Amino acid sequence: MGVGIGYSHFDRSNGFNEDNLLIPVIVGAEYDVNDHVALTSDMRFNVAATSDVNKFFYTWQILGVRYRF
């Protein structure tokens, strides 16, 4: 589980662009294949703080691979 802070830019087809402060909350799982490789999956629940309203969206990374040196 983790929390972050970032920046997002929405470029819409109607010409309305938006820049926002982005606050993701990350929840995930990891399976160690060996000492260096792990398979991961995580959900990111994002709040984009805009000047008029907060927007909520999520992303799901179904399968990822993490390598540790």
PDB file of N, CA and C in Angstrom:
ATOM      1  N   MET A   1       0.853  -1.173   0.000  1.00  0.00           N
ATOM      2  CA  MET A   1       0.000   0.000   0.000  1.00  0.00           C
ATOM      3  C   MET A   1       0.894   1.230   0.000  1.00  0.00           C
ATOM      4  N   GLY A   2       0.467   2.248  -0.715  1.00  0.00           N
ATOM      5  CA  GLY A   2       1.248   3.471  -0.771  1.00  0.00           C
ATOM      6  C   GLY A   2       0.391   4.663  -1.152  1.00  0.00           C
ATOM      7  N   VAL A   3       0.949   5.824  -0.942  1.00  0.00           N
ATOM      8  CA  VAL A   3       0.308   7.085  -1.305  1.00  0.00           C
ATOM      9  C   VAL A   3       1.349   7.927  -2.014  1.00  0.00           C
ATOM     10  N   GLY A   4       0.934   8.680  -3.002  1.00  0.00           N
ATOM     11  CA  GLY A   4       1.880   9.510  -3.735  1.00  0.00           C
ATOM     12  C   GLY A   4       1.319  10.890  -4.002  1.00  0.00           C
ATOM     13  N   ILE A   5       2.102  11.664  -4.686  1.00  0.00           N
ATOM     14  CA  ILE A   5       1.670  12.974  -5.138  1.00  0.00           C
ATOM     15  C   ILE A   5       2.284  13.192  -6.512  1.00  0.00           C
ATOM     16  N   GLY A   6       1.527  13.805  -7.390  1.00  0.00           N
ATOM     17  CA  GLY A   6       2.035  13.962  -8.742  1.00  0.00           C
ATOM     18  C   GLY A   6       1.289  15.026  -9.515  1.00  0.00           C
ATOM     19  N   TYR A   7       1.432  14.960 -10.816  1.00  0.00           N
ATOM     20  CA  TYR A   7       0.872  15.934 -11.743  1.00  0.00           C
ATOM     21  C   TYR A   7       0.186  15.186 -12.871  1.00  0.00           C
ATOM     22  N   SER A   8      -0.965  15.672 -13.302  1.00  0.00           N
ATOM     23  CA  SER A   8      -1.639  15.059 -14.442  1.00  0.00           C
ATOM     24  C   SER A   8      -2.028  16.134 -15.443  1.00  0.00           C
ATOM     25  N   HIS A   9      -2.050  15.742 -16.700  1.00  0.00           N
ATOM     26  CA  HIS A   9      -2.467  16.628 -17.786  1.00  0.00           C
ATOM     27  C   HIS A   9      -3.494  15.894 -18.626  1.00  0.00           C
ATOM     28  N   PHE A  10      -4.711  16.424 -18.704  1.00  0.00           N
ATOM     29  CA  PHE A  10      -5.764  15.852 -19.523  1.00  0.00           C
ATOM     30  C   PHE A  10      -5.844  16.666 -20.805  1.00  0.00           C
ATOM     31  N   ASP A  11      -5.688  16.014 -21.943  1.00  0.00           N
ATOM     32  CA  ASP A  11      -5.765  16.659 -23.239  1.00  0.00           C
ATOM     33  C   ASP A  11      -7.011  16.119 -23.944  1.00  0.00           C
ATOM     34  N   ARG A  12      -8.048  16.892 -23.965  1.00  0.00           N
ATOM     35  CA  ARG A  12      -9.332  16.429 -24.492  1.00  0.00           C
ATOM     36  C   ARG A  12      -9.476  16.771 -25.974  1.00  0.00           C
ATOM     37  N   SER A  13     -10.277  15.990 -26.659  1.00  0.00           N
ATOM     38  CA  SER A  13     -10.464  16.183 -28.103  1.00  0.00           C
ATOM     39  C   SER A  13     -11.193  17.483 -28.437  1.00  0.00           C
ATOM     40  N   ASN A  14     -11.962  18.042 -27.495  1.00  0.00           N
ATOM     41  CA  ASN A  14     -12.686  19.283 -27.756  1.00  0.00           C
ATOM     42  C   ASN A  14     -11.814  20.523 -27.548  1.00  0.00           C
ATOM     43  N   GLY A  15     -10.515  20.325 -27.287  1.00  0.00           N
ATOM     44  CA  GLY A  15      -9.595  21.443 -27.124  1.00  0.00           C
ATOM     45  C   GLY A  15      -9.458  21.938 -25.702  1.00  0.00           C
ATOM     46  N   PHE A  16     -10.243  21.384 -24.766  1.00  0.00           N
ATOM     47  CA  PHE A  16     -10.160  21.788 -23.368  1.00  0.00           C
ATOM     48  C   PHE A  16      -9.081  20.958 -22.679  1.00  0.00           C
ATOM     49  N   ASN A  17      -8.010  21.589 -22.271  1.00  0.00           N
ATOM     50  CA  ASN A  17      -6.915  20.911 -21.587  1.00  0.00           C
ATOM     51  C   ASN A  17      -6.955  21.256 -20.107  1.00  0.00           C
ATOM     52  N   GLU A  18      -6.461  20.346 -19.294  1.00  0.00           N
ATOM     53  CA  GLU A  18      -6.543  20.517 -17.857  1.00  0.00           C
ATOM     54  C   GLU A  18      -5.261  20.030 -17.190  1.00  0.00           C
ATOM     55  N   ASP A  19      -4.712  20.808 -16.280  1.00  0.00           N
ATOM     56  CA  ASP A  19      -3.555  20.429 -15.471  1.00  0.00           C
ATOM     57  C   ASP A  19      -4.006  20.328 -14.020  1.00  0.00           C
ATOM     58  N   ASN A  20      -3.611  19.240 -13.344  1.00  0.00           N
ATOM     59  CA  ASN A  20      -4.110  18.976 -12.002  1.00  0.00           C
ATOM     60  C   ASN A  20      -3.017  18.447 -11.084  1.00  0.00           C
ATOM     61  N   LEU A  21      -3.214  18.662  -9.802  1.00  0.00           N
ATOM     62  CA  LEU A  21      -2.462  17.966  -8.772  1.00  0.00           C
ATOM     63  C   LEU A  21      -3.092  16.585  -8.651  1.00  0.00           C
ATOM     64  N   LEU A  22      -2.277  15.532  -8.622  1.00  0.00           N
ATOM     65  CA  LEU A  22      -2.784  14.164  -8.597  1.00  0.00           C
ATOM     66  C   LEU A  22      -2.313  13.472  -7.325  1.00  0.00           C
ATOM     67  N   ILE A  23      -3.255  12.859  -6.610  1.00  0.00           N
ATOM     68  CA  ILE A  23      -2.933  12.130  -5.384  1.00  0.00           C
ATOM     69  C   ILE A  23      -3.400  10.683  -5.548  1.00  0.00           C
ATOM     70  N   PRO A  24      -2.471   9.744  -5.813  1.00  0.00           N
ATOM     71  CA  PRO A  24      -2.866   8.339  -5.954  1.00  0.00           C
ATOM     72  C   PRO A  24      -2.705   7.564  -4.637  1.00  0.00           C
ATOM     73  N   VAL A  25      -3.641   6.670  -4.383  1.00  0.00           N
ATOM     74  CA  VAL A  25      -3.539   5.697  -3.296  1.00  0.00           C
ATOM     75  C   VAL A  25      -3.381   4.347  -3.976  1.00  0.00           C
ATOM     76  N   ILE A  26      -2.301   3.632  -3.643  1.00  0.00           N
ATOM     77  CA  ILE A  26      -1.925   2.414  -4.369  1.00  0.00           C
ATOM     78  C   ILE A  26      -2.090   1.197  -3.455  1.00  0.00           C
ATOM     79  N   VAL A  27      -2.805   0.197  -3.954  1.00  0.00           N
ATOM     80  CA  VAL A  27      -2.995  -1.064  -3.239  1.00  0.00           C
ATOM     81  C   VAL A  27      -2.621  -2.177  -4.204  1.00  0.00           C
ATOM     82  N   GLY A  28      -1.780  -3.116  -3.749  1.00  0.00           N
ATOM     83  CA  GLY A  28      -1.369  -4.159  -4.672  1.00  0.00           C
ATOM     84  C   GLY A  28      -0.867  -5.407  -3.990  1.00  0.00           C
ATOM     85  N   ALA A  29      -0.471  -6.347  -4.823  1.00  0.00           N
ATOM     86  CA  ALA A  29       0.070  -7.620  -4.352  1.00  0.00           C
ATOM     87  C   ALA A  29       1.316  -7.945  -5.166  1.00  0.00           C
ATOM     88  N   GLU A  30       2.171  -8.727  -4.555  1.00  0.00           N
ATOM     89  CA  GLU A  30       3.432  -9.103  -5.192  1.00  0.00           C
ATOM     90  C   GLU A  30       3.734 -10.560  -4.872  1.00  0.00           C
ATOM     91  N   TYR A  31       4.159 -11.309  -5.889  1.00  0.00           N
ATOM     92  CA  TYR A  31       4.540 -12.709  -5.717  1.00  0.00           C
ATOM     93  C   TYR A  31       5.992 -12.862  -6.138  1.00  0.00           C
ATOM     94  N   ASP A  32       6.844 -13.276  -5.198  1.00  0.00           N
ATOM     95  CA  ASP A  32       8.263 -13.468  -5.481  1.00  0.00           C
ATOM     96  C   ASP A  32       8.475 -14.769  -6.246  1.00  0.00           C
ATOM     97  N   VAL A  33       8.999 -14.662  -7.468  1.00  0.00           N
ATOM     98  CA  VAL A  33       9.333 -15.837  -8.270  1.00  0.00           C
ATOM     99  C   VAL A  33      10.666 -16.394  -7.805  1.00  0.00           C
ATOM    100  N   ASN A  34      11.637 -15.489  -7.570  1.00  0.00           N
ATOM    101  CA  ASN A  34      12.935 -15.856  -6.991  1.00  0.00           C
ATOM    102  C   ASN A  34      13.469 -14.625  -6.246  1.00  0.00           C
ATOM    103  N   ASP A  35      14.756 -14.617  -5.915  1.00  0.00           N
ATOM    104  CA  ASP A  35      15.323 -13.499  -5.145  1.00  0.00           C
ATOM    105  C   ASP A  35      15.323 -12.177  -5.910  1.00  0.00           C
ATOM    106  N   HIS A  36      15.252 -12.212  -7.218  1.00  0.00           N
ATOM    107  CA  HIS A  36      15.364 -10.992  -8.017  1.00  0.00           C
ATOM    108  C   HIS A  36      14.092 -10.608  -8.782  1.00  0.00           C
ATOM    109  N   VAL A  37      13.217 -11.546  -9.046  1.00  0.00           N
ATOM    110  CA  VAL A  37      12.048 -11.288  -9.884  1.00  0.00           C
ATOM    111  C   VAL A  37      10.764 -11.497  -9.083  1.00  0.00           C
ATOM    112  N   ALA A  38       9.815 -10.572  -9.261  1.00  0.00           N
ATOM    113  CA  ALA A  38       8.506 -10.698  -8.633  1.00  0.00           C
ATOM    114  C   ALA A  38       7.429 -10.316  -9.648  1.00  0.00           C
ATOM    115  N   LEU A  39       6.284 -10.984  -9.572  1.00  0.00           N
ATOM    116  CA  LEU A  39       5.112 -10.621 -10.361  1.00  0.00           C
ATOM    117  C   LEU A  39       4.235  -9.717  -9.504  1.00  0.00           C
ATOM    118  N   THR A  40       3.684  -8.663 -10.092  1.00  0.00           N
ATOM    119  CA  THR A  40       2.918  -7.684  -9.328  1.00  0.00           C
ATOM    120  C   THR A  40       1.564  -7.416  -9.982  1.00  0.00           C
ATOM    121  N   SER A  41       0.656  -6.913  -9.189  1.00  0.00           N
ATOM    122  CA  SER A  41      -0.629  -6.411  -9.655  1.00  0.00           C
ATOM    123  C   SER A  41      -1.041  -5.318  -8.686  1.00  0.00           C
ATOM    124  N   ASP A  42      -1.482  -4.166  -9.210  1.00  0.00           N
ATOM    125  CA  ASP A  42      -1.905  -3.114  -8.297  1.00  0.00           C
ATOM    126  C   ASP A  42      -3.018  -2.255  -8.883  1.00  0.00           C
ATOM    127  N   MET A  43      -3.784  -1.672  -7.983  1.00  0.00           N
ATOM    128  CA  MET A  43      -4.850  -0.724  -8.308  1.00  0.00           C
ATOM    129  C   MET A  43      -4.403   0.635  -7.782  1.00  0.00           C
ATOM    130  N   ARG A  44      -4.618   1.663  -8.595  1.00  0.00           N
ATOM    131  CA  ARG A  44      -4.303   3.030  -8.191  1.00  0.00           C
ATOM    132  C   ARG A  44      -5.606   3.832  -8.215  1.00  0.00           C
ATOM    133  N   PHE A  45      -5.999   4.288  -7.038  1.00  0.00           N
ATOM    134  CA  PHE A  45      -7.181   5.131  -6.897  1.00  0.00           C
ATOM    135  C   PHE A  45      -6.687   6.569  -6.879  1.00  0.00           C
ATOM    136  N   ASN A  46      -7.049   7.338  -7.892  1.00  0.00           N
ATOM    137  CA  ASN A  46      -6.493   8.673  -8.096  1.00  0.00           C
ATOM    138  C   ASN A  46      -7.531   9.750  -7.837  1.00  0.00           C
ATOM    139  N   VAL A  47      -7.110  10.801  -7.144  1.00  0.00           N
ATOM    140  CA  VAL A  47      -7.921  12.005  -6.987  1.00  0.00           C
ATOM    141  C   VAL A  47      -7.154  13.124  -7.660  1.00  0.00           C
ATOM    142  N   ALA A  48      -7.775  13.743  -8.657  1.00  0.00           N
ATOM    143  CA  ALA A  48      -7.180  14.886  -9.350  1.00  0.00           C
ATOM    144  C   ALA A  48      -7.826  16.141  -8.784  1.00  0.00           C
ATOM    145  N   ALA A  49      -7.041  16.932  -8.064  1.00  0.00           N
ATOM    146  CA  ALA A  49      -7.550  18.139  -7.423  1.00  0.00           C
ATOM    147  C   ALA A  49      -7.533  19.279  -8.433  1.00  0.00           C
ATOM    148  N   THR A  50      -8.711  19.681  -8.889  1.00  0.00           N
ATOM    149  CA  THR A  50      -8.829  20.779  -9.843  1.00  0.00           C
ATOM    150  C   THR A  50      -9.315  22.028  -9.111  1.00  0.00           C
ATOM    151  N   SER A  51      -9.365  23.125  -9.811  1.00  0.00           N
ATOM    152  CA  SER A  51      -9.793  24.371  -9.182  1.00  0.00           C
ATOM    153  C   SER A  51     -11.288  24.375  -8.878  1.00  0.00           C
ATOM    154  N   ASP A  52     -12.095  23.649  -9.652  1.00  0.00           N
ATOM    155  CA  ASP A  52     -13.539  23.697  -9.444  1.00  0.00           C
ATOM    156  C   ASP A  52     -14.120  22.451  -8.776  1.00  0.00           C
ATOM    157  N   VAL A  53     -13.556  21.292  -9.043  1.00  0.00           N
ATOM    158  CA  VAL A  53     -14.116  20.052  -8.497  1.00  0.00           C
ATOM    159  C   VAL A  53     -13.013  18.992  -8.455  1.00  0.00           C
ATOM    160  N   ASN A  54     -13.110  18.043  -7.514  1.00  0.00           N
ATOM    161  CA  ASN A  54     -12.172  16.920  -7.466  1.00  0.00           C
ATOM    162  C   ASN A  54     -12.689  15.808  -8.371  1.00  0.00           C
ATOM    163  N   LYS A  55     -11.800  15.228  -9.139  1.00  0.00           N
ATOM    164  CA  LYS A  55     -12.159  14.138 -10.040  1.00  0.00           C
ATOM    165  C   LYS A  55     -11.517  12.862  -9.526  1.00  0.00           C
ATOM    166  N   PHE A  56     -12.250  11.768  -9.624  1.00  0.00           N
ATOM    167  CA  PHE A  56     -11.777  10.471  -9.150  1.00  0.00           C
ATOM    168  C   PHE A  56     -11.748   9.506 -10.326  1.00  0.00           C
ATOM    169  N   PHE A  57     -10.642   8.767 -10.446  1.00  0.00           N
ATOM    170  CA  PHE A  57     -10.568   7.692 -11.431  1.00  0.00           C
ATOM    171  C   PHE A  57      -9.582   6.651 -10.915  1.00  0.00           C
ATOM    172  N   TYR A  58      -9.616   5.470 -11.494  1.00  0.00           N
ATOM    173  CA  TYR A  58      -8.695   4.422 -11.058  1.00  0.00           C
ATOM    174  C   TYR A  58      -8.052   3.763 -12.267  1.00  0.00           C
ATOM    175  N   THR A  59      -6.899   3.177 -12.010  1.00  0.00           N
ATOM    176  CA  THR A  59      -6.207   2.377 -13.012  1.00  0.00           C
ATOM    177  C   THR A  59      -5.828   1.056 -12.362  1.00  0.00           C
ATOM    178  N   TRP A  60      -5.781   0.011 -13.158  1.00  0.00           N
ATOM    179  CA  TRP A  60      -5.429  -1.311 -12.665  1.00  0.00           C
ATOM    180  C   TRP A  60      -4.330  -1.876 -13.541  1.00  0.00           C
ATOM    181  N   GLN A  61      -3.188  -2.104 -12.934  1.00  0.00           N
ATOM    182  CA  GLN A  61      -2.103  -2.800 -13.617  1.00  0.00           C
ATOM    183  C   GLN A  61      -2.298  -4.273 -13.302  1.00  0.00           C
ATOM    184  N   ILE A  62      -2.808  -5.013 -14.268  1.00  0.00           N
ATOM    185  CA  ILE A  62      -3.182  -6.394 -14.026  1.00  0.00           C
ATOM    186  C   ILE A  62      -1.954  -7.253 -13.753  1.00  0.00           C
ATOM    187  N   LEU A  63      -0.910  -7.112 -14.565  1.00  0.00           N
ATOM    188  CA  LEU A  63       0.287  -7.919 -14.366  1.00  0.00           C
ATOM    189  C   LEU A  63       1.516  -7.083 -14.651  1.00  0.00           C
ATOM    190  N   GLY A  64       2.416  -7.056 -13.698  1.00  0.00           N
ATOM    191  CA  GLY A  64       3.682  -6.379 -13.866  1.00  0.00           C
ATOM    192  C   GLY A  64       4.818  -7.278 -13.429  1.00  0.00           C
ATOM    193  N   VAL A  65       6.017  -6.941 -13.824  1.00  0.00           N
ATOM    194  CA  VAL A  65       7.212  -7.688 -13.422  1.00  0.00           C
ATOM    195  C   VAL A  65       8.174  -6.704 -12.769  1.00  0.00           C
ATOM    196  N   ARG A  66       8.645  -7.048 -11.588  1.00  0.00           N
ATOM    197  CA  ARG A  66       9.596  -6.204 -10.877  1.00  0.00           C
ATOM    198  C   ARG A  66      10.919  -6.971 -10.761  1.00  0.00           C
ATOM    199  N   TYR A  67      12.008  -6.281 -11.053  1.00  0.00           N
ATOM    200  CA  TYR A  67      13.328  -6.896 -10.945  1.00  0.00           C
ATOM    201  C   TYR A  67      14.128  -6.139  -9.887  1.00  0.00           C
ATOM    202  N   ARG A  68      14.707  -6.862  -8.949  1.00  0.00           N
ATOM    203  CA  ARG A  68      15.541  -6.274  -7.900  1.00  0.00           C
ATOM    204  C   ARG A  68      17.003  -6.580  -8.174  1.00  0.00           C
ATOM    205  N   PHE A  69      17.835  -5.575  -8.064  1.00  0.00           N
ATOM    206  CA  PHE A  69      19.286  -5.750  -8.287  1.00  0.00           C
ATOM    207  C   PHE A  69      19.961  -6.237  -7.035  1.00  0.00           C
TER     208      PHE A  69
END
